[in-house]
Structure formats: C-alpha cells, structure tokens
Amino acid sequence: MALSSEQLPPDAIDAVLFDAGGVLLLPDPEAGRSAARSLGCETDKEDWRRAHYMANLVLDRMETPDWPAVRRAVAAAVGIGDDHLEAAVPLIEQLIVATPWVAVDGAARTLHSLSLAGYSTAIVSNAFGTVETELEELGICSIRERDMPRVGVVIDSHVVGIAKPDPRIFHLALDALGVEPARALYIGDTVKYDVVGALAAGLHPVHLDPFGLCEGEHMHITTLGDLIAWLVPR
C-alpha cells in the first residue's frame, strides 16, 4: 500500500521517528565491492544497495535471526557464487558490523525539511552503541550540533538495553519528544523489527522498500523523497 494523505493526513502527525540502518545509513558499497572482488566477483554500487533490502526479506521470515544465513543472502544477492558463499560470510560480517556505513542519499535533507515543517524527529535503532556518533560524523543529524539537522533524541538499543520490536524502545523516544504514539510515524526497512514493533507501540509504520519487494498491506515508500512529498507542503 503506497503512502498517501488520504489514509493519513499530514495534520494527523506531530513526529517522525526513523530507523538508522537501511533508512538513513547503508553498508559501504565500495567496501563491499572490494570484499566481493577478493572472491573473484565484480559488483556495482546498486548491487549492494539492493542486496541490503533483499536480505531483509530473508530476515523477516526467520523466527530467530540466523545471521550467517542473512550474510549468505547478501552475498548471493550481489552475485557471489554458491561455491564462495561460506567464504563470503566473514567478509559480509566485517562489512556490516565493523566497517563504517555511509549516508543514504537525501538523509540529511529529509530531516532538515521535516524540522523546518514543524515535525519533531528522533532516531530509534537496533545498533551497536555508536549510531549517534555515526550519524553526527556523516552530517546526517545530531542532538546538539547546530550546523546539521537536529533530532530530539537518538535511541540506540545497545545503550538502552531494549531492542526492536519491543514497543518500549519506541516509547523511550516518544516520551523524550512528548508525543503520543498515534501522532507519530516510524520509518523502517524491515517488517519483523520495524513494522511489527511500531504497530505494537501504537505508531504508524512506514516501510522504506526501494525495490518494491514487500507485499504487505502496511504503508510503503520507495524513497525518503516520497515522505517529504507527502508531509511537507510546497
């Protein structure tokens, strides 16, 4: 279901909460290309972008995360052959866990536009304890710096000890913003953690699905620009 003002008018929303990974940040495709090249596979930037969202489909179907299987899904999606999938697992793990991620096109611009339009914003991420610093270093957003988009709070699961889809992690952000769940959107890139978690917390989930891979009935956008076109009047 594409997002539209008919199903949820902009004046019904006071705050927009964002996931970080897959929404504002993505694994570095150049580091990915280098890893694949070491296994004899040439890839391009778009291969790695698409692979992130294809692997999310695999993750969404799992009752319990099998991270090596998810890493194999990434490798297969970029074209690494079956005979190299196991060798690719530690390389993909390094890329995702230990290599700095890069900004999604339009991430800072989106947060800036929402802030200018009067929306409160926040980040709620299942992360490794460093997402606030990463977002600031990339110029995407900050809770304190004035030369980039400001957000009300950054909630990192590693720091607070609660992870999505537990609704409590969303409520930490909403409490900090002083916004009721029914007046907030949550923008995420998975069903299992983001859509399910946001619904349980009483927010309106919006699934960022650039390649139209998800067949769920919840709201979808393909780019962050879709969000601005809906929420920010011209």
C-alpha atoms as a PDB file:
ATOM      1  CA  MET A   1       0.000   0.000   0.000  1.00  0.00           C
ATOM      2  CA  ALA A   2       1.600   3.275  -1.091  1.00  0.00           C
ATOM      3  CA  LEU A   3       1.596   6.032   1.461  1.00  0.00           C
ATOM      4  CA  SER A   4      -0.994   8.731   0.818  1.00  0.00           C
ATOM      5  CA  SER A   5      -2.523  11.725   2.532  1.00  0.00           C
ATOM      6  CA  GLU A   6      -5.962  10.156   2.112  1.00  0.00           C
ATOM      7  CA  GLN A   7      -5.192   7.359   4.539  1.00  0.00           C
ATOM      8  CA  LEU A   8      -3.302   9.564   6.999  1.00  0.00           C
ATOM      9  CA  PRO A   9      -3.379  13.358   6.542  1.00  0.00           C
ATOM     10  CA  PRO A  10      -0.191  15.251   7.436  1.00  0.00           C
ATOM     11  CA  ASP A  11      -2.008  17.261  10.108  1.00  0.00           C
ATOM     12  CA  ALA A  12      -2.583  13.993  11.990  1.00  0.00           C
ATOM     13  CA  ILE A  13       1.188  13.661  12.535  1.00  0.00           C
ATOM     14  CA  ASP A  14       3.391  15.534  15.009  1.00  0.00           C
ATOM     15  CA  ALA A  15       6.566  13.426  14.925  1.00  0.00           C
ATOM     16  CA  VAL A  16       8.530  11.233  12.554  1.00  0.00           C
ATOM     17  CA  LEU A  17      10.842   8.597  14.024  1.00  0.00           C
ATOM     18  CA  PHE A  18      13.479   6.906  11.889  1.00  0.00           C
ATOM     19  CA  ASP A  19      15.414   3.693  11.895  1.00  0.00           C
ATOM     20  CA  ALA A  20      19.092   4.312  11.092  1.00  0.00           C
ATOM     21  CA  GLY A  21      20.354   1.268   9.176  1.00  0.00           C
ATOM     22  CA  GLY A  22      18.647   0.852   5.812  1.00  0.00           C
ATOM     23  CA  VAL A  23      16.850   4.200   6.119  1.00  0.00           C
ATOM     24  CA  LEU A  24      19.500   6.846   6.842  1.00  0.00           C
ATOM     25  CA  LEU A  25      22.589   4.623   6.535  1.00  0.00           C
ATOM     26  CA  LEU A  26      23.673   1.711   4.339  1.00  0.00           C
ATOM     27  CA  PRO A  27      26.743  -0.556   4.328  1.00  0.00           C
ATOM     28  CA  ASP A  28      29.596   0.986   2.333  1.00  0.00           C
ATOM     29  CA  PRO A  29      29.217  -0.358  -1.225  1.00  0.00           C
ATOM     30  CA  GLU A  30      32.862   0.338  -2.092  1.00  0.00           C
ATOM     31  CA  ALA A  31      33.989  -1.806   0.834  1.00  0.00           C
ATOM     32  CA  GLY A  32      31.517  -4.430  -0.346  1.00  0.00           C
ATOM     33  CA  ARG A  33      32.854  -4.329  -3.887  1.00  0.00           C
ATOM     34  CA  SER A  34      36.378  -4.841  -2.558  1.00  0.00           C
ATOM     35  CA  ALA A  35      35.256  -7.825  -0.474  1.00  0.00           C
ATOM     36  CA  ALA A  36      33.479  -9.415  -3.435  1.00  0.00           C
ATOM     37  CA  ARG A  37      36.471  -8.793  -5.695  1.00  0.00           C
ATOM     38  CA  SER A  38      38.654 -10.799  -3.303  1.00  0.00           C
ATOM     39  CA  LEU A  39      36.382 -13.753  -4.125  1.00  0.00           C
ATOM     40  CA  GLY A  40      36.570 -13.142  -7.868  1.00  0.00           C
ATOM     41  CA  CYS A  41      33.199 -11.396  -8.183  1.00  0.00           C
ATOM     42  CA  GLU A  42      32.759  -7.943  -9.718  1.00  0.00           C
ATOM     43  CA  THR A  43      29.805  -5.963  -8.359  1.00  0.00           C
ATOM     44  CA  ASP A  44      28.494  -2.426  -8.558  1.00  0.00           C
ATOM     45  CA  LYS A  45      27.077   0.039  -6.032  1.00  0.00           C
ATOM     46  CA  GLU A  46      23.447  -0.709  -6.853  1.00  0.00           C
ATOM     47  CA  ASP A  47      24.048  -4.460  -6.321  1.00  0.00           C
ATOM     48  CA  TRP A  48      24.930  -3.748  -2.709  1.00  0.00           C
ATOM     49  CA  ARG A  49      22.031  -1.371  -2.151  1.00  0.00           C
ATOM     50  CA  ARG A  50      19.526  -3.910  -3.477  1.00  0.00           C
ATOM     51  CA  ALA A  51      21.174  -6.753  -1.531  1.00  0.00           C
ATOM     52  CA  HIS A  52      20.533  -4.994   1.771  1.00  0.00           C
ATOM     53  CA  TYR A  53      16.773  -4.979   1.200  1.00  0.00           C
ATOM     54  CA  MET A  54      16.691  -8.476  -0.300  1.00  0.00           C
ATOM     55  CA  ALA A  55      18.443  -9.829   2.791  1.00  0.00           C
ATOM     56  CA  ASN A  56      15.809  -8.108   4.930  1.00  0.00           C
ATOM     57  CA  LEU A  57      13.200 -10.353   3.290  1.00  0.00           C
ATOM     58  CA  VAL A  58      15.182 -13.370   4.469  1.00  0.00           C
ATOM     59  CA  LEU A  59      15.480 -11.924   7.973  1.00  0.00           C
ATOM     60  CA  ASP A  60      11.768 -11.114   8.112  1.00  0.00           C
ATOM     61  CA  ARG A  61      10.911 -14.787   7.526  1.00  0.00           C
ATOM     62  CA  MET A  62      13.084 -16.034  10.408  1.00  0.00           C
ATOM     63  CA  GLU A  63      11.604 -16.713  13.818  1.00  0.00           C
ATOM     64  CA  THR A  64      15.093 -16.373  15.338  1.00  0.00           C
ATOM     65  CA  PRO A  65      17.788 -14.474  13.426  1.00  0.00           C
ATOM     66  CA  ASP A  66      20.346 -16.702  11.713  1.00  0.00           C
ATOM     67  CA  TRP A  67      22.954 -14.068  10.925  1.00  0.00           C
ATOM     68  CA  PRO A  68      25.281 -16.293   8.855  1.00  0.00           C
ATOM     69  CA  ALA A  69      22.273 -17.151   6.665  1.00  0.00           C
ATOM     70  CA  VAL A  70      21.462 -13.455   6.300  1.00  0.00           C
ATOM     71  CA  ARG A  71      25.101 -12.753   5.331  1.00  0.00           C
ATOM     72  CA  ARG A  72      24.901 -15.537   2.728  1.00  0.00           C
ATOM     73  CA  ALA A  73      21.735 -13.931   1.387  1.00  0.00           C
ATOM     74  CA  VAL A  74      23.607 -10.641   0.933  1.00  0.00           C
ATOM     75  CA  ALA A  75      26.454 -12.444  -0.840  1.00  0.00           C
ATOM     76  CA  ALA A  76      24.096 -14.311  -3.158  1.00  0.00           C
ATOM     77  CA  ALA A  77      22.175 -11.132  -3.936  1.00  0.00           C
ATOM     78  CA  VAL A  78      25.292  -9.336  -5.183  1.00  0.00           C
ATOM     79  CA  GLY A  79      26.205 -12.298  -7.370  1.00  0.00           C
ATOM     80  CA  ILE A  80      28.794 -14.205  -5.368  1.00  0.00           C
ATOM     81  CA  GLY A  81      28.651 -17.831  -6.498  1.00  0.00           C
ATOM     82  CA  ASP A  82      27.437 -20.731  -4.376  1.00  0.00           C
ATOM     83  CA  ASP A  83      30.967 -22.116  -4.045  1.00  0.00           C
ATOM     84  CA  HIS A  84      32.123 -18.886  -2.348  1.00  0.00           C
ATOM     85  CA  LEU A  85      29.123 -18.168  -0.094  1.00  0.00           C
ATOM     86  CA  GLU A  86      30.684 -19.581   3.068  1.00  0.00           C
ATOM     87  CA  ALA A  87      33.909 -17.679   2.447  1.00  0.00           C
ATOM     88  CA  ALA A  88      31.832 -14.540   1.989  1.00  0.00           C
ATOM     89  CA  VAL A  89      30.157 -14.778   5.398  1.00  0.00           C
ATOM     90  CA  PRO A  90      33.023 -13.275   7.481  1.00  0.00           C
ATOM     91  CA  LEU A  91      33.629 -10.638   4.808  1.00  0.00           C
ATOM     92  CA  ILE A  92      29.982  -9.547   4.873  1.00  0.00           C
ATOM     93  CA  GLU A  93      30.020  -9.655   8.691  1.00  0.00           C
ATOM     94  CA  GLN A  94      33.034  -7.324   8.691  1.00  0.00           C
ATOM     95  CA  LEU A  95      31.282  -5.007   6.248  1.00  0.00           C
ATOM     96  CA  ILE A  96      28.112  -4.784   8.329  1.00  0.00           C
ATOM     97  CA  VAL A  97      29.445  -4.862  11.883  1.00  0.00           C
ATOM     98  CA  ALA A  98      32.913  -3.298  11.753  1.00  0.00           C
ATOM     99  CA  THR A  99      33.091  -1.078   8.647  1.00  0.00           C
ATOM    100  CA  PRO A 100      31.587   2.428   8.871  1.00  0.00           C
ATOM    101  CA  TRP A 101      28.306   2.752   6.997  1.00  0.00           C
ATOM    102  CA  VAL A 102      27.559   5.590   4.569  1.00  0.00           C
ATOM    103  CA  ALA A 103      24.712   8.070   4.310  1.00  0.00           C
ATOM    104  CA  VAL A 104      21.641   7.304   2.240  1.00  0.00           C
ATOM    105  CA  ASP A 105      21.048   9.916  -0.458  1.00  0.00           C
ATOM    106  CA  GLY A 106      18.800  12.642   0.888  1.00  0.00           C
ATOM    107  CA  ALA A 107      19.004  11.562   4.544  1.00  0.00           C
ATOM    108  CA  ALA A 108      20.106  14.916   5.989  1.00  0.00           C
ATOM    109  CA  ARG A 109      17.866  16.848   3.600  1.00  0.00           C
ATOM    110  CA  THR A 110      14.843  14.833   4.720  1.00  0.00           C
ATOM    111  CA  LEU A 111      15.426  15.514   8.399  1.00  0.00           C
ATOM    112  CA  HIS A 112      16.065  19.190   7.708  1.00  0.00           C
ATOM    113  CA  SER A 113      12.853  19.531   5.665  1.00  0.00           C
ATOM    114  CA  LEU A 114      10.759  17.838   8.355  1.00  0.00           C
ATOM    115  CA  SER A 115      12.210  20.048  11.057  1.00  0.00           C
ATOM    116  CA  LEU A 116      11.508  23.205   9.055  1.00  0.00           C
ATOM    117  CA  ALA A 117       7.937  21.995   8.549  1.00  0.00           C
ATOM    118  CA  GLY A 118       7.468  21.728  12.323  1.00  0.00           C
ATOM    119  CA  TYR A 119       7.709  17.977  12.884  1.00  0.00           C
ATOM    120  CA  SER A 120       9.590  16.535  15.843  1.00  0.00           C
ATOM    121  CA  THR A 121      12.125  13.901  14.823  1.00  0.00           C
ATOM    122  CA  ALA A 122      14.040  11.109  16.535  1.00  0.00           C
ATOM    123  CA  ILE A 123      16.106   8.021  15.762  1.00  0.00           C
ATOM    124  CA  VAL A 124      15.275   4.546  17.124  1.00  0.00           C
ATOM    125  CA  SER A 125      17.800   1.938  16.030  1.00  0.00           C
ATOM    126  CA  ASN A 126      18.908  -1.588  16.836  1.00  0.00           C
ATOM    127  CA  ALA A 127      22.592  -0.747  16.779  1.00  0.00           C
ATOM    128  CA  PHE A 128      25.988  -1.354  18.342  1.00  0.00           C
ATOM    129  CA  GLY A 129      26.287   1.645  20.673  1.00  0.00           C
ATOM    130  CA  THR A 130      27.769   4.067  18.135  1.00  0.00           C
ATOM    131  CA  VAL A 131      24.853   5.142  15.943  1.00  0.00           C
ATOM    132  CA  GLU A 132      24.551   8.625  17.437  1.00  0.00           C
ATOM    133  CA  THR A 133      28.224   9.300  16.687  1.00  0.00           C
ATOM    134  CA  GLU A 134      27.994   7.797  13.190  1.00  0.00           C
ATOM    135  CA  LEU A 135      25.013   9.956  12.246  1.00  0.00           C
ATOM    136  CA  GLU A 136      26.752  13.066  13.503  1.00  0.00           C
ATOM    137  CA  GLU A 137      30.076  12.301  11.806  1.00  0.00           C
ATOM    138  CA  LEU A 138      28.283  11.852   8.476  1.00  0.00           C
ATOM    139  CA  GLY A 139      26.420  15.144   8.903  1.00  0.00           C
ATOM    140  CA  ILE A 140      23.027  13.433   8.862  1.00  0.00           C
ATOM    141  CA  CYS A 141      21.731  14.648  12.219  1.00  0.00           C
ATOM    142  CA  SER A 142      22.696  15.468  15.779  1.00  0.00           C
ATOM    143  CA  ILE A 143      21.052  16.086  19.115  1.00  0.00           C
ATOM    144  CA  ARG A 144      23.399  19.027  19.795  1.00  0.00           C
ATOM    145  CA  GLU A 145      25.286  20.317  16.729  1.00  0.00           C
ATOM    146  CA  ARG A 146      23.713  23.355  15.086  1.00  0.00           C
ATOM    147  CA  ASP A 147      25.323  23.014  11.644  1.00  0.00           C
ATOM    148  CA  MET A 148      23.269  19.932  10.707  1.00  0.00           C
ATOM    149  CA  PRO A 149      19.682  18.710  11.159  1.00  0.00           C
ATOM    150  CA  ARG A 150      18.697  18.415  14.819  1.00  0.00           C
ATOM    151  CA  VAL A 151      16.745  15.492  16.254  1.00  0.00           C
ATOM    152  CA  GLY A 152      15.159  15.306  19.668  1.00  0.00           C
ATOM    153  CA  VAL A 153      16.803  12.061  20.721  1.00  0.00           C
ATOM    154  CA  VAL A 154      18.786   9.104  19.387  1.00  0.00           C
ATOM    155  CA  ILE A 155      17.789   5.789  20.946  1.00  0.00           C
ATOM    156  CA  ASP A 156      20.408   3.062  20.407  1.00  0.00           C
ATOM    157  CA  SER A 157      19.339  -0.432  21.509  1.00  0.00           C
ATOM    158  CA  HIS A 158      22.833  -1.280  22.765  1.00  0.00           C
ATOM    159  CA  VAL A 159      22.829   1.790  25.009  1.00  0.00           C
ATOM    160  CA  VAL A 160      19.305   1.463  26.422  1.00  0.00           C
ATOM    161  CA  GLY A 161      19.233  -2.345  26.674  1.00  0.00           C
ATOM    162  CA  ILE A 162      15.968  -2.720  24.748  1.00  0.00           C
ATOM    163  CA  ALA A 163      15.726  -3.710  21.086  1.00  0.00           C
ATOM    164  CA  LYS A 164      13.025  -3.581  18.423  1.00  0.00           C
ATOM    165  CA  PRO A 165      10.419  -4.969  18.079  1.00  0.00           C
ATOM    166  CA  ASP A 166       9.924  -4.402  21.821  1.00  0.00           C
ATOM    167  CA  PRO A 167       7.476  -1.455  21.943  1.00  0.00           C
ATOM    168  CA  ARG A 168       9.279   0.042  24.926  1.00  0.00           C
ATOM    169  CA  ILE A 169      12.162   1.259  22.762  1.00  0.00           C
ATOM    170  CA  PHE A 170       9.758   3.351  20.676  1.00  0.00           C
ATOM    171  CA  HIS A 171       8.144   4.745  23.808  1.00  0.00           C
ATOM    172  CA  LEU A 172      11.536   5.961  25.061  1.00  0.00           C
ATOM    173  CA  ALA A 173      11.750   8.231  22.021  1.00  0.00           C
ATOM    174  CA  LEU A 174       8.124   9.324  22.191  1.00  0.00           C
ATOM    175  CA  ASP A 175       8.449  10.196  25.868  1.00  0.00           C
ATOM    176  CA  ALA A 176      11.523  12.293  25.097  1.00  0.00           C
ATOM    177  CA  LEU A 177       9.618  14.146  22.378  1.00  0.00           C
ATOM    178  CA  GLY A 178       6.404  14.460  24.375  1.00  0.00           C
ATOM    179  CA  VAL A 179       4.358  12.982  21.525  1.00  0.00           C
ATOM    180  CA  GLU A 180       1.552  10.415  21.673  1.00  0.00           C
ATOM    181  CA  PRO A 181       2.125   7.185  19.642  1.00  0.00           C
ATOM    182  CA  ALA A 182      -0.942   7.752  17.467  1.00  0.00           C
ATOM    183  CA  ARG A 183       0.546  11.094  16.346  1.00  0.00           C
ATOM    184  CA  ALA A 184       3.833   9.584  15.165  1.00  0.00           C
ATOM    185  CA  LEU A 185       5.233   7.769  12.149  1.00  0.00           C
ATOM    186  CA  TYR A 186       8.047   5.252  12.269  1.00  0.00           C
ATOM    187  CA  ILE A 187      10.142   4.798   9.122  1.00  0.00           C
ATOM    188  CA  GLY A 188      11.961   1.456   8.945  1.00  0.00           C
ATOM    189  CA  ASP A 189      13.273  -1.076   6.450  1.00  0.00           C
ATOM    190  CA  THR A 190      12.093  -4.390   7.934  1.00  0.00           C
ATOM    191  CA  VAL A 191       8.750  -5.944   8.759  1.00  0.00           C
ATOM    192  CA  LYS A 192       9.953  -8.109  11.658  1.00  0.00           C
ATOM    193  CA  TYR A 193      11.511  -5.308  13.697  1.00  0.00           C
ATOM    194  CA  ASP A 194      10.140  -2.049  12.362  1.00  0.00           C
ATOM    195  CA  VAL A 195       6.588  -2.567  11.121  1.00  0.00           C
ATOM    196  CA  VAL A 196       5.667  -5.104  13.817  1.00  0.00           C
ATOM    197  CA  GLY A 197       7.392  -3.141  16.571  1.00  0.00           C
ATOM    198  CA  ALA A 198       5.916   0.209  15.599  1.00  0.00           C
ATOM    199  CA  LEU A 199       2.409  -1.242  15.397  1.00  0.00           C
ATOM    200  CA  ALA A 200       2.793  -2.815  18.832  1.00  0.00           C
ATOM    201  CA  ALA A 201       3.895   0.558  20.192  1.00  0.00           C
ATOM    202  CA  GLY A 202       0.899   2.332  18.648  1.00  0.00           C
ATOM    203  CA  LEU A 203       2.769   4.256  15.945  1.00  0.00           C
ATOM    204  CA  HIS A 204       2.015   4.328  12.223  1.00  0.00           C
ATOM    205  CA  PRO A 205       4.714   2.223  10.485  1.00  0.00           C
ATOM    206  CA  VAL A 206       6.023   3.217   7.065  1.00  0.00           C
ATOM    207  CA  HIS A 207       8.184   0.631   5.321  1.00  0.00           C
ATOM    208  CA  LEU A 208      11.034   2.023   3.207  1.00  0.00           C
ATOM    209  CA  ASP A 209      11.136  -0.522   0.379  1.00  0.00           C
ATOM    210  CA  PRO A 210      13.105   0.947  -2.552  1.00  0.00           C
ATOM    211  CA  PHE A 211      12.728  -2.076  -4.822  1.00  0.00           C
ATOM    212  CA  GLY A 212       9.089  -2.932  -4.137  1.00  0.00           C
ATOM    213  CA  LEU A 213       9.998  -6.283  -2.592  1.00  0.00           C
ATOM    214  CA  CYS A 214       7.432  -6.341   0.227  1.00  0.00           C
ATOM    215  CA  GLU A 215       3.865  -7.477  -0.424  1.00  0.00           C
ATOM    216  CA  GLY A 216       2.494  -6.479   2.982  1.00  0.00           C
ATOM    217  CA  GLU A 217      -0.609  -4.315   3.389  1.00  0.00           C
ATOM    218  CA  HIS A 218       1.097  -1.666   5.539  1.00  0.00           C
ATOM    219  CA  MET A 219       2.235   1.706   4.166  1.00  0.00           C
ATOM    220  CA  HIS A 220       5.330   1.801   1.933  1.00  0.00           C
ATOM    221  CA  ILE A 221       7.623   4.387   0.410  1.00  0.00           C
ATOM    222  CA  THR A 222      10.382   3.812  -2.128  1.00  0.00           C
ATOM    223  CA  THR A 223      12.496   6.869  -1.279  1.00  0.00           C
ATOM    224  CA  LEU A 224      12.802   9.398   1.508  1.00  0.00           C
ATOM    225  CA  GLY A 225      11.615  11.931  -1.050  1.00  0.00           C
ATOM    226  CA  ASP A 226       8.218  10.205  -1.036  1.00  0.00           C
ATOM    227  CA  LEU A 227       7.934  11.053   2.651  1.00  0.00           C
ATOM    228  CA  ILE A 228       8.707  14.729   2.082  1.00  0.00           C
ATOM    229  CA  ALA A 229       6.280  14.931  -0.856  1.00  0.00           C
ATOM    230  CA  TRP A 230       3.543  13.650   1.469  1.00  0.00           C
ATOM    231  CA  LEU A 231       4.279  15.538   4.687  1.00  0.00           C
ATOM    232  CA  VAL A 232       5.793  18.861   3.600  1.00  0.00           C
ATOM    233  CA  PRO A 233       3.541  21.232   1.629  1.00  0.00           C
ATOM    234  CA  ARG A 234       5.063  23.014  -1.334  1.00  0.00           C
END
